[in-house]
Amino acid sequence: MSDALTLVLERASMDASFRAQLSSDPETALAGYALTPEERAALLSGDSHQSDELGLDTRSTKDIAPPTTDTPWDTPPLIT
């Protein structure tokens, strides 16, 4: 994992406005980071298989994955 990806993950974990920008305009949010093409693709896709290949723990990327049509970002998971 590159230093740039570490910075993105750390910032996303602490900065709600950055997480919002990652959701609404990920290309702009990631523009200032020297991510590898593989890292950028994994972050933009939200594909857990790509994240696994980079050695990312899906728990560390769940808050920055792109939204799906199934569950909006602002909706907390239901606990049953």
N, C-alpha and C. Protein backbone atom coordinates (compact mmCIF):
# COMPACT_ATOMS: atom_id res chain seq x y z
N MET A 1 0.85 -1.16 0.00
CA MET A 1 0.00 0.00 0.00
C MET A 1 0.90 1.23 0.00
N SER A 2 0.60 2.16 -0.89
CA SER A 2 1.43 3.35 -1.01
C SER A 2 1.14 4.33 0.13
N ASP A 3 2.07 5.25 0.33
CA ASP A 3 1.87 6.31 1.32
C ASP A 3 0.64 7.15 0.97
N ALA A 4 0.43 7.38 -0.34
CA ALA A 4 -0.72 8.18 -0.77
C ALA A 4 -2.03 7.50 -0.38
N LEU A 5 -2.11 6.20 -0.56
CA LEU A 5 -3.34 5.48 -0.20
C LEU A 5 -3.55 5.51 1.30
N THR A 6 -2.48 5.37 2.05
CA THR A 6 -2.57 5.47 3.50
C THR A 6 -3.12 6.82 3.90
N LEU A 7 -2.65 7.89 3.27
CA LEU A 7 -3.15 9.24 3.57
C LEU A 7 -4.63 9.38 3.24
N VAL A 8 -5.06 8.83 2.10
CA VAL A 8 -6.47 8.89 1.72
C VAL A 8 -7.31 8.18 2.78
N LEU A 9 -6.91 6.99 3.16
CA LEU A 9 -7.68 6.21 4.13
C LEU A 9 -7.73 6.90 5.49
N GLU A 10 -6.61 7.45 5.92
CA GLU A 10 -6.59 8.16 7.20
C GLU A 10 -7.48 9.39 7.16
N ARG A 11 -7.39 10.15 6.08
CA ARG A 11 -8.21 11.36 5.97
C ARG A 11 -9.69 11.00 5.91
N ALA A 12 -10.03 9.98 5.15
CA ALA A 12 -11.43 9.56 5.02
C ALA A 12 -11.99 9.09 6.36
N SER A 13 -11.14 8.50 7.18
CA SER A 13 -11.62 8.01 8.47
C SER A 13 -11.87 9.13 9.47
N MET A 14 -11.27 10.31 9.24
CA MET A 14 -11.38 11.40 10.21
C MET A 14 -12.13 12.62 9.70
N ASP A 15 -12.32 12.76 8.39
CA ASP A 15 -12.83 13.99 7.80
C ASP A 15 -14.14 13.73 7.05
N ALA A 16 -15.25 14.08 7.69
CA ALA A 16 -16.57 13.81 7.10
C ALA A 16 -16.77 14.54 5.77
N SER A 17 -16.25 15.74 5.65
CA SER A 17 -16.43 16.48 4.39
C SER A 17 -15.63 15.83 3.26
N PHE A 18 -14.46 15.27 3.58
CA PHE A 18 -13.69 14.55 2.58
C PHE A 18 -14.43 13.29 2.14
N ARG A 19 -15.02 12.56 3.11
CA ARG A 19 -15.81 11.38 2.76
C ARG A 19 -16.98 11.76 1.86
N ALA A 20 -17.61 12.89 2.15
CA ALA A 20 -18.73 13.34 1.31
C ALA A 20 -18.24 13.65 -0.10
N GLN A 21 -17.07 14.28 -0.20
CA GLN A 21 -16.53 14.58 -1.53
C GLN A 21 -16.15 13.29 -2.26
N LEU A 22 -15.62 12.31 -1.55
CA LEU A 22 -15.32 11.03 -2.17
C LEU A 22 -16.58 10.39 -2.74
N SER A 23 -17.69 10.61 -2.08
CA SER A 23 -18.96 10.07 -2.56
C SER A 23 -19.50 10.85 -3.75
N SER A 24 -19.46 12.17 -3.66
CA SER A 24 -20.09 13.00 -4.69
C SER A 24 -19.19 13.28 -5.89
N ASP A 25 -17.89 13.39 -5.66
CA ASP A 25 -16.96 13.74 -6.72
C ASP A 25 -15.60 13.09 -6.45
N PRO A 26 -15.53 11.77 -6.56
CA PRO A 26 -14.30 11.07 -6.18
C PRO A 26 -13.07 11.46 -6.99
N GLU A 27 -13.24 11.75 -8.26
CA GLU A 27 -12.08 12.12 -9.07
C GLU A 27 -11.41 13.38 -8.52
N THR A 28 -12.21 14.37 -8.15
CA THR A 28 -11.67 15.61 -7.59
C THR A 28 -11.07 15.35 -6.22
N ALA A 29 -11.74 14.56 -5.41
CA ALA A 29 -11.25 14.27 -4.06
C ALA A 29 -9.88 13.58 -4.10
N LEU A 30 -9.68 12.72 -5.09
CA LEU A 30 -8.44 11.95 -5.16
C LEU A 30 -7.36 12.62 -6.02
N ALA A 31 -7.70 13.75 -6.64
CA ALA A 31 -6.79 14.40 -7.59
C ALA A 31 -5.44 14.76 -6.99
N GLY A 32 -5.38 15.13 -5.75
CA GLY A 32 -4.12 15.56 -5.15
C GLY A 32 -3.27 14.44 -4.60
N TYR A 33 -3.68 13.21 -4.79
CA TYR A 33 -2.96 12.07 -4.23
C TYR A 33 -2.28 11.26 -5.33
N ALA A 34 -1.03 10.88 -5.10
CA ALA A 34 -0.24 10.12 -6.08
C ALA A 34 -0.54 8.63 -5.94
N LEU A 35 -1.78 8.27 -6.21
CA LEU A 35 -2.19 6.87 -6.12
C LEU A 35 -1.74 6.12 -7.37
N THR A 36 -1.49 4.84 -7.21
CA THR A 36 -1.21 4.01 -8.38
C THR A 36 -2.53 3.84 -9.14
N PRO A 37 -2.45 3.48 -10.42
CA PRO A 37 -3.70 3.23 -11.16
C PRO A 37 -4.56 2.14 -10.50
N GLU A 38 -3.93 1.13 -9.93
CA GLU A 38 -4.66 0.06 -9.27
C GLU A 38 -5.36 0.55 -8.01
N GLU A 39 -4.67 1.39 -7.22
CA GLU A 39 -5.28 1.94 -6.01
C GLU A 39 -6.46 2.84 -6.36
N ARG A 40 -6.27 3.70 -7.35
CA ARG A 40 -7.34 4.60 -7.77
C ARG A 40 -8.56 3.80 -8.24
N ALA A 41 -8.32 2.77 -9.06
CA ALA A 41 -9.41 1.95 -9.56
C ALA A 41 -10.14 1.24 -8.42
N ALA A 42 -9.40 0.73 -7.45
CA ALA A 42 -10.02 0.03 -6.32
C ALA A 42 -10.89 0.99 -5.51
N LEU A 43 -10.40 2.19 -5.27
CA LEU A 43 -11.18 3.16 -4.51
C LEU A 43 -12.42 3.62 -5.27
N LEU A 44 -12.27 3.84 -6.55
CA LEU A 44 -13.39 4.33 -7.35
C LEU A 44 -14.45 3.26 -7.57
N SER A 45 -14.04 2.02 -7.67
CA SER A 45 -14.99 0.95 -7.98
C SER A 45 -15.74 0.46 -6.75
N GLY A 46 -15.09 0.49 -5.61
CA GLY A 46 -15.69 -0.09 -4.42
C GLY A 46 -15.70 -1.62 -4.44
N ASP A 47 -15.00 -2.20 -5.41
CA ASP A 47 -14.94 -3.64 -5.58
C ASP A 47 -14.05 -4.25 -4.49
N SER A 48 -14.64 -5.07 -3.65
CA SER A 48 -13.87 -5.65 -2.54
C SER A 48 -12.77 -6.57 -3.04
N HIS A 49 -12.94 -7.18 -4.22
CA HIS A 49 -11.89 -8.05 -4.76
C HIS A 49 -10.65 -7.22 -5.13
N GLN A 50 -10.85 -6.04 -5.72
CA GLN A 50 -9.72 -5.17 -6.03
C GLN A 50 -9.05 -4.71 -4.74
N SER A 51 -9.84 -4.37 -3.73
CA SER A 51 -9.28 -3.94 -2.45
C SER A 51 -8.47 -5.06 -1.81
N ASP A 52 -9.00 -6.28 -1.88
CA ASP A 52 -8.29 -7.43 -1.32
C ASP A 52 -6.95 -7.64 -2.01
N GLU A 53 -6.93 -7.48 -3.34
CA GLU A 53 -5.69 -7.67 -4.09
C GLU A 53 -4.62 -6.66 -3.68
N LEU A 54 -5.05 -5.47 -3.25
CA LEU A 54 -4.09 -4.46 -2.79
C LEU A 54 -3.70 -4.65 -1.33
N GLY A 55 -4.35 -5.61 -0.67
CA GLY A 55 -4.06 -5.85 0.73
C GLY A 55 -4.81 -4.92 1.66
N LEU A 56 -5.89 -4.32 1.16
CA LEU A 56 -6.68 -3.43 1.99
C LEU A 56 -7.69 -4.22 2.80
N ASP A 57 -7.86 -3.83 4.01
CA ASP A 57 -8.88 -4.41 4.86
C ASP A 57 -10.19 -3.73 4.51
N THR A 58 -11.21 -4.47 4.13
CA THR A 58 -12.47 -3.86 3.71
C THR A 58 -13.09 -3.04 4.82
N ARG A 59 -12.74 -3.30 6.07
CA ARG A 59 -13.26 -2.47 7.16
C ARG A 59 -12.70 -1.06 7.07
N SER A 60 -11.50 -0.90 6.54
CA SER A 60 -10.90 0.43 6.44
C SER A 60 -11.39 1.20 5.24
N THR A 61 -12.01 0.52 4.27
CA THR A 61 -12.48 1.22 3.08
C THR A 61 -13.99 1.30 2.99
N LYS A 62 -14.72 0.72 3.93
CA LYS A 62 -16.18 0.69 3.82
C LYS A 62 -16.79 2.08 3.85
N ASP A 63 -16.17 3.02 4.55
CA ASP A 63 -16.72 4.37 4.63
C ASP A 63 -16.44 5.21 3.40
N ILE A 64 -15.56 4.74 2.52
CA ILE A 64 -15.25 5.55 1.36
C ILE A 64 -15.62 4.88 0.05
N ALA A 65 -16.21 3.71 0.14
CA ALA A 65 -16.63 3.03 -1.09
C ALA A 65 -17.75 3.81 -1.75
N PRO A 66 -17.80 3.80 -3.08
CA PRO A 66 -18.89 4.51 -3.76
C PRO A 66 -20.24 3.95 -3.35
N PRO A 67 -21.25 4.80 -3.32
CA PRO A 67 -22.58 4.33 -2.93
C PRO A 67 -23.15 3.37 -3.96
N THR A 68 -24.00 2.50 -3.51
CA THR A 68 -24.70 1.60 -4.41
C THR A 68 -26.15 2.04 -4.49
N THR A 69 -26.87 1.50 -5.44
CA THR A 69 -28.28 1.84 -5.55
C THR A 69 -29.09 1.12 -4.48
N ASP A 70 -28.50 0.10 -3.86
CA ASP A 70 -29.21 -0.66 -2.84
C ASP A 70 -29.31 0.06 -1.51
N THR A 71 -28.22 0.71 -1.09
CA THR A 71 -28.19 1.33 0.22
C THR A 71 -27.54 2.70 0.14
N PRO A 72 -28.28 3.76 0.42
CA PRO A 72 -27.67 5.09 0.43
C PRO A 72 -26.62 5.20 1.53
N TRP A 73 -25.64 6.05 1.32
CA TRP A 73 -24.56 6.25 2.29
C TRP A 73 -25.06 6.71 3.63
N ASP A 74 -26.09 7.55 3.63
CA ASP A 74 -26.55 8.14 4.87
C ASP A 74 -27.44 7.21 5.67
N THR A 75 -27.73 6.04 5.16
CA THR A 75 -28.60 5.11 5.86
C THR A 75 -27.75 4.14 6.65
N PRO A 76 -27.89 4.15 7.98
CA PRO A 76 -27.12 3.19 8.77
C PRO A 76 -27.63 1.77 8.54
N PRO A 77 -26.77 0.79 8.69
CA PRO A 77 -27.22 -0.59 8.50
C PRO A 77 -28.25 -0.96 9.57
N LEU A 78 -29.18 -1.81 9.21
CA LEU A 78 -30.17 -2.28 10.16
C LEU A 78 -29.58 -3.42 10.96
N ILE A 79 -29.79 -3.36 12.24
CA ILE A 79 -29.32 -4.42 13.13
C ILE A 79 -30.56 -5.24 13.50
N THR A 80 -30.50 -6.52 13.19
CA THR A 80 -31.67 -7.37 13.50
C THR A 80 -31.30 -8.41 14.50
